[in-house]
Amino acid sequence: MKKKISIMPKTRIGKISFWLVVLGFVLVYAQYWTAMAFKISIPAPSGMLAMILIIIFGITSMISILKYRDYAILLFLTSLIGILGILFAIGEFLFPH
């Protein structure tokens, strides 16, 4: 039986992982725009929290796709964002600035 591809996730773990990746993504951009608008420095732990959210729940999106067969377009997108977050973190450790 073929699974139908949807836009939004159907499983609970898929929904949770999608919305928490979106929250991490919003945190990253909120910090960026706040720092640019007010010319202030944002503490590092808040940025690390956002990246940890993106990485962990990006992996959870992959689990939702592979284990629970939740084929949602937005889950594939959040998985891609999670992979890019992992690559970003690896790049920060390999090439610190």
N, C-alpha and C. Protein backbone atom coordinates (compact mmCIF):
# COMPACT_ATOMS: atom_id res chain seq x y z
N MET A 1 0.83 -1.17 0.00
CA MET A 1 0.00 0.00 0.00
C MET A 1 0.89 1.25 0.00
N LYS A 2 0.62 2.16 -0.87
CA LYS A 2 1.40 3.38 -0.97
C LYS A 2 0.97 4.39 0.08
N LYS A 3 1.96 5.07 0.63
CA LYS A 3 1.68 6.13 1.60
C LYS A 3 1.50 7.43 0.86
N LYS A 4 0.56 8.21 1.29
CA LYS A 4 0.28 9.50 0.69
C LYS A 4 1.18 10.56 1.31
N ILE A 5 1.74 11.39 0.48
CA ILE A 5 2.58 12.49 0.96
C ILE A 5 1.68 13.67 1.28
N SER A 6 1.85 14.20 2.48
CA SER A 6 1.05 15.36 2.90
C SER A 6 1.97 16.55 3.14
N ILE A 7 1.39 17.66 3.45
CA ILE A 7 2.19 18.86 3.72
C ILE A 7 2.57 18.92 5.20
N MET A 8 1.59 18.74 6.09
CA MET A 8 1.84 18.79 7.53
C MET A 8 2.04 17.37 8.06
N PRO A 9 2.86 17.22 9.11
CA PRO A 9 3.06 15.91 9.72
C PRO A 9 1.78 15.37 10.35
N LYS A 10 1.63 14.04 10.33
CA LYS A 10 0.44 13.40 10.90
C LYS A 10 0.70 12.82 12.29
N THR A 11 1.92 12.36 12.55
CA THR A 11 2.21 11.75 13.85
C THR A 11 2.52 12.82 14.89
N ARG A 12 2.38 12.43 16.15
CA ARG A 12 2.63 13.39 17.24
C ARG A 12 4.10 13.79 17.28
N ILE A 13 5.00 12.82 17.13
CA ILE A 13 6.43 13.13 17.16
C ILE A 13 6.82 14.02 15.99
N GLY A 14 6.16 13.83 14.85
CA GLY A 14 6.43 14.67 13.69
C GLY A 14 5.99 16.10 13.91
N LYS A 15 4.83 16.27 14.51
CA LYS A 15 4.32 17.62 14.78
C LYS A 15 5.21 18.35 15.79
N ILE A 16 5.60 17.65 16.85
CA ILE A 16 6.45 18.25 17.88
C ILE A 16 7.80 18.63 17.28
N SER A 17 8.41 17.73 16.52
CA SER A 17 9.72 18.04 15.96
C SER A 17 9.64 19.19 14.97
N PHE A 18 8.59 19.24 14.17
CA PHE A 18 8.44 20.34 13.21
C PHE A 18 8.35 21.68 13.93
N TRP A 19 7.47 21.79 14.92
CA TRP A 19 7.27 23.08 15.57
C TRP A 19 8.47 23.51 16.40
N LEU A 20 9.22 22.55 16.96
CA LEU A 20 10.40 22.96 17.74
C LEU A 20 11.57 23.34 16.84
N VAL A 21 11.66 22.77 15.65
CA VAL A 21 12.67 23.25 14.68
C VAL A 21 12.30 24.66 14.24
N VAL A 22 11.02 24.90 14.02
CA VAL A 22 10.59 26.26 13.65
C VAL A 22 10.92 27.23 14.78
N LEU A 23 10.71 26.82 16.04
CA LEU A 23 11.04 27.68 17.17
C LEU A 23 12.54 27.97 17.21
N GLY A 24 13.37 26.96 17.00
CA GLY A 24 14.82 27.19 16.96
C GLY A 24 15.22 28.13 15.85
N PHE A 25 14.61 27.97 14.69
CA PHE A 25 14.89 28.83 13.55
C PHE A 25 14.48 30.27 13.85
N VAL A 26 13.33 30.46 14.48
CA VAL A 26 12.86 31.80 14.85
C VAL A 26 13.79 32.42 15.89
N LEU A 27 14.26 31.62 16.84
CA LEU A 27 15.20 32.14 17.85
C LEU A 27 16.49 32.65 17.21
N VAL A 28 17.01 31.91 16.24
CA VAL A 28 18.24 32.33 15.57
C VAL A 28 18.03 33.68 14.90
N TYR A 29 16.94 33.83 14.15
CA TYR A 29 16.71 35.08 13.44
C TYR A 29 16.28 36.21 14.37
N ALA A 30 15.58 35.91 15.44
CA ALA A 30 15.22 36.96 16.40
C ALA A 30 16.47 37.53 17.06
N GLN A 31 17.42 36.67 17.39
CA GLN A 31 18.67 37.15 17.97
C GLN A 31 19.44 38.00 16.98
N TYR A 32 19.47 37.56 15.74
CA TYR A 32 20.20 38.29 14.72
C TYR A 32 19.61 39.69 14.51
N TRP A 33 18.30 39.76 14.34
CA TRP A 33 17.67 41.06 14.08
C TRP A 33 17.69 41.95 15.31
N THR A 34 17.61 41.38 16.49
CA THR A 34 17.71 42.18 17.71
C THR A 34 19.10 42.78 17.85
N ALA A 35 20.11 41.97 17.59
CA ALA A 35 21.48 42.47 17.69
C ALA A 35 21.76 43.53 16.64
N MET A 36 21.21 43.37 15.45
CA MET A 36 21.44 44.35 14.38
C MET A 36 20.66 45.65 14.64
N ALA A 37 19.44 45.54 15.13
CA ALA A 37 18.61 46.72 15.32
C ALA A 37 19.08 47.59 16.48
N PHE A 38 19.48 46.95 17.58
CA PHE A 38 19.82 47.71 18.77
C PHE A 38 21.32 47.78 19.04
N LYS A 39 22.12 47.22 18.15
CA LYS A 39 23.59 47.25 18.27
C LYS A 39 24.04 46.72 19.63
N ILE A 40 23.47 45.57 20.03
CA ILE A 40 23.84 44.96 21.30
C ILE A 40 24.40 43.57 21.04
N SER A 41 25.04 43.03 22.05
CA SER A 41 25.58 41.68 21.96
C SER A 41 24.63 40.73 22.69
N ILE A 42 24.26 39.65 22.02
CA ILE A 42 23.37 38.65 22.60
C ILE A 42 24.23 37.57 23.26
N PRO A 43 23.89 37.12 24.48
CA PRO A 43 24.68 36.09 25.14
C PRO A 43 24.72 34.79 24.32
N ALA A 44 25.85 34.11 24.37
CA ALA A 44 26.05 32.89 23.60
C ALA A 44 25.11 31.73 23.97
N PRO A 45 24.74 31.55 25.25
CA PRO A 45 23.87 30.40 25.57
C PRO A 45 22.53 30.40 24.84
N SER A 46 21.99 31.56 24.54
CA SER A 46 20.72 31.57 23.83
C SER A 46 20.89 31.11 22.39
N GLY A 47 22.00 31.45 21.77
CA GLY A 47 22.28 30.97 20.42
C GLY A 47 22.55 29.47 20.41
N MET A 48 23.24 29.01 21.45
CA MET A 48 23.51 27.57 21.54
C MET A 48 22.21 26.80 21.77
N LEU A 49 21.29 27.36 22.54
CA LEU A 49 20.00 26.72 22.75
C LEU A 49 19.25 26.56 21.43
N ALA A 50 19.28 27.60 20.62
CA ALA A 50 18.60 27.54 19.33
C ALA A 50 19.22 26.48 18.44
N MET A 51 20.54 26.41 18.39
CA MET A 51 21.20 25.40 17.54
C MET A 51 20.95 23.99 18.07
N ILE A 52 20.93 23.81 19.38
CA ILE A 52 20.64 22.50 19.96
C ILE A 52 19.22 22.08 19.61
N LEU A 53 18.27 23.01 19.70
CA LEU A 53 16.88 22.72 19.29
C LEU A 53 16.83 22.27 17.84
N ILE A 54 17.51 22.98 16.97
CA ILE A 54 17.48 22.65 15.54
C ILE A 54 18.10 21.29 15.29
N ILE A 55 19.22 21.00 15.92
CA ILE A 55 19.90 19.72 15.68
C ILE A 55 19.09 18.55 16.24
N ILE A 56 18.67 18.63 17.49
CA ILE A 56 17.96 17.50 18.12
C ILE A 56 16.64 17.22 17.42
N PHE A 57 15.87 18.25 17.17
CA PHE A 57 14.56 18.01 16.58
C PHE A 57 14.63 17.83 15.07
N GLY A 58 15.73 18.20 14.44
CA GLY A 58 15.97 17.81 13.06
C GLY A 58 16.19 16.31 12.96
N ILE A 59 16.94 15.77 13.91
CA ILE A 59 17.14 14.32 13.98
C ILE A 59 15.83 13.62 14.30
N THR A 60 15.03 14.20 15.18
CA THR A 60 13.73 13.63 15.52
C THR A 60 12.81 13.63 14.29
N SER A 61 12.93 14.62 13.44
CA SER A 61 12.15 14.63 12.20
C SER A 61 12.55 13.46 11.31
N MET A 62 13.85 13.19 11.25
CA MET A 62 14.31 12.05 10.46
C MET A 62 13.78 10.74 11.03
N ILE A 63 13.75 10.63 12.34
CA ILE A 63 13.20 9.43 12.98
C ILE A 63 11.73 9.28 12.64
N SER A 64 11.00 10.38 12.66
CA SER A 64 9.58 10.34 12.32
C SER A 64 9.36 9.88 10.88
N ILE A 65 10.23 10.31 10.00
CA ILE A 65 10.11 9.89 8.60
C ILE A 65 10.46 8.42 8.43
N LEU A 66 11.57 8.01 9.02
CA LEU A 66 12.06 6.65 8.79
C LEU A 66 11.31 5.59 9.59
N LYS A 67 11.05 5.86 10.86
CA LYS A 67 10.43 4.84 11.71
C LYS A 67 8.91 4.80 11.59
N TYR A 68 8.30 5.98 11.60
CA TYR A 68 6.84 6.03 11.62
C TYR A 68 6.22 6.28 10.24
N ARG A 69 7.07 6.37 9.23
CA ARG A 69 6.60 6.54 7.84
C ARG A 69 5.69 7.75 7.68
N ASP A 70 6.05 8.83 8.33
CA ASP A 70 5.28 10.07 8.23
C ASP A 70 5.90 10.90 7.11
N TYR A 71 5.37 10.74 5.91
CA TYR A 71 5.93 11.42 4.74
C TYR A 71 5.25 12.77 4.55
N ALA A 72 5.78 13.77 5.23
CA ALA A 72 5.25 15.12 5.11
C ALA A 72 6.35 16.02 4.54
N ILE A 73 5.97 16.89 3.66
CA ILE A 73 6.93 17.77 3.00
C ILE A 73 7.66 18.63 4.04
N LEU A 74 6.93 19.14 5.04
CA LEU A 74 7.56 19.98 6.05
C LEU A 74 8.52 19.19 6.95
N LEU A 75 8.30 17.89 7.11
CA LEU A 75 9.26 17.07 7.86
C LEU A 75 10.55 16.90 7.07
N PHE A 76 10.43 16.74 5.76
CA PHE A 76 11.64 16.65 4.95
C PHE A 76 12.42 17.96 5.03
N LEU A 77 11.71 19.07 5.05
CA LEU A 77 12.35 20.38 5.15
C LEU A 77 13.04 20.56 6.51
N THR A 78 12.37 20.16 7.59
CA THR A 78 12.99 20.29 8.92
C THR A 78 14.16 19.32 9.08
N SER A 79 14.10 18.17 8.42
CA SER A 79 15.24 17.26 8.45
C SER A 79 16.44 17.89 7.75
N LEU A 80 16.18 18.56 6.64
CA LEU A 80 17.25 19.25 5.93
C LEU A 80 17.85 20.36 6.79
N ILE A 81 17.01 21.11 7.48
CA ILE A 81 17.49 22.16 8.37
C ILE A 81 18.31 21.55 9.51
N GLY A 82 17.88 20.40 10.03
CA GLY A 82 18.64 19.71 11.08
C GLY A 82 20.01 19.26 10.58
N ILE A 83 20.07 18.74 9.36
CA ILE A 83 21.35 18.33 8.79
C ILE A 83 22.26 19.53 8.60
N LEU A 84 21.71 20.63 8.12
CA LEU A 84 22.50 21.84 7.95
C LEU A 84 22.98 22.38 9.30
N GLY A 85 22.16 22.23 10.35
CA GLY A 85 22.58 22.62 11.70
C GLY A 85 23.74 21.78 12.19
N ILE A 86 23.70 20.48 11.90
CA ILE A 86 24.80 19.60 12.28
C ILE A 86 26.08 20.01 11.54
N LEU A 87 25.96 20.28 10.24
CA LEU A 87 27.13 20.71 9.46
C LEU A 87 27.67 22.04 9.97
N PHE A 88 26.78 22.95 10.35
CA PHE A 88 27.20 24.23 10.91
C PHE A 88 27.97 24.03 12.21
N ALA A 89 27.46 23.16 13.09
CA ALA A 89 28.13 22.91 14.37
C ALA A 89 29.50 22.25 14.15
N ILE A 90 29.58 21.31 13.23
CA ILE A 90 30.86 20.66 12.92
C ILE A 90 31.84 21.69 12.37
N GLY A 91 31.34 22.58 11.51
CA GLY A 91 32.21 23.63 10.95
C GLY A 91 32.71 24.58 12.02
N GLU A 92 31.90 24.88 13.00
CA GLU A 92 32.34 25.77 14.08
C GLU A 92 33.44 25.13 14.92
N PHE A 93 33.39 23.82 15.10
CA PHE A 93 34.43 23.16 15.87
C PHE A 93 35.70 22.92 15.05
N LEU A 94 35.54 22.65 13.77
CA LEU A 94 36.72 22.39 12.93
C LEU A 94 37.45 23.67 12.57
N PHE A 95 36.71 24.73 12.30
CA PHE A 95 37.30 25.99 11.88
C PHE A 95 36.80 27.13 12.76
N PRO A 96 37.27 27.19 14.02
CA PRO A 96 36.79 28.26 14.92
C PRO A 96 37.28 29.63 14.44
N HIS A 97 36.53 30.64 14.78
CA HIS A 97 36.93 32.00 14.35
C HIS A 97 36.95 32.94 15.52
